């Protein structure tokens, strides 16, 4: 759902900081993270304001206490992504223009993720950035933002990507953090000294990512919800779990992945289930929103 969901989603995105924290997106499920899923999947697509009662009820069905749901709404509004309107004794919420862009760009990223395998000519973008150990906050910000951009780090200070086209994004991150004087970059094929696959394994937790894909497949393969609340909740959970993967999976070229990469099966499962459940889930949301 935009720069907050994916800093790669627009031409100027590398200039912007993530709108939401990594924890909101890939961390443990929370009221905040579930609210983002509901807003992107239903409120944005419905293109109508949503009553507080409907949102709180929806989050309640997902296991969120009322107090936490209301706090998540207030916090998201305070950051400029939602605005409220009082109608009598009730309040309804609309997406602001920045909030709509945030969710629209992110939705495009989520729904297109995993639909194709990028081609690769064997070229790497290699980035070296020297940040003193004493500047731990700066090191953390650099690691967070380069990781979000799909870079991996096989050694301290070294970042790699098999997508040289992300140089401009990396340059924007380095410039924004004031690290140009401490950085250098190279583009080219693996030099042949050492092992390329070992470098990949040290840069990214491929096994961990695949294990998460396997859990996703196990959870949703046999799920066949009935209509009403069942399909609404199933669709929400499906999207909520899937939207983490664009920030976990750097979309490496096929050559660098295991032979039977679970990401392809997981992507096919997501798109099949989402299409099958879409009409019923949206119908139930409209009923809930109108009540």
Foldseek 3Di string as FASTA:
>chain_A
DALLLALPLDDCSLQDDRLDDLCLAQNDDFLLVLLLLCCLQAVLVVVDWFWLQLQLVLVVVVPYHSVRNVVSVVVCVVSPQWDWDDDPPTITIHGDPVNSNHSVSLVVCLLCPLVDADDAPQKKKKKFFDDDPVPVVLVVQLVLQVLSLLWFDLDPRITMDRDVVCPVSNVSNCVVSVGPVRMDIDMDHPPPPDDPLNSVVSGAVQVVLQVLLVVLCVVQVPDDFDFAPRLLVSLSVLSSSSSNNSSRHSSHHPVNHDPPRSSNVSSVSSNVSCVVSVVRNNVNSVVSRVD
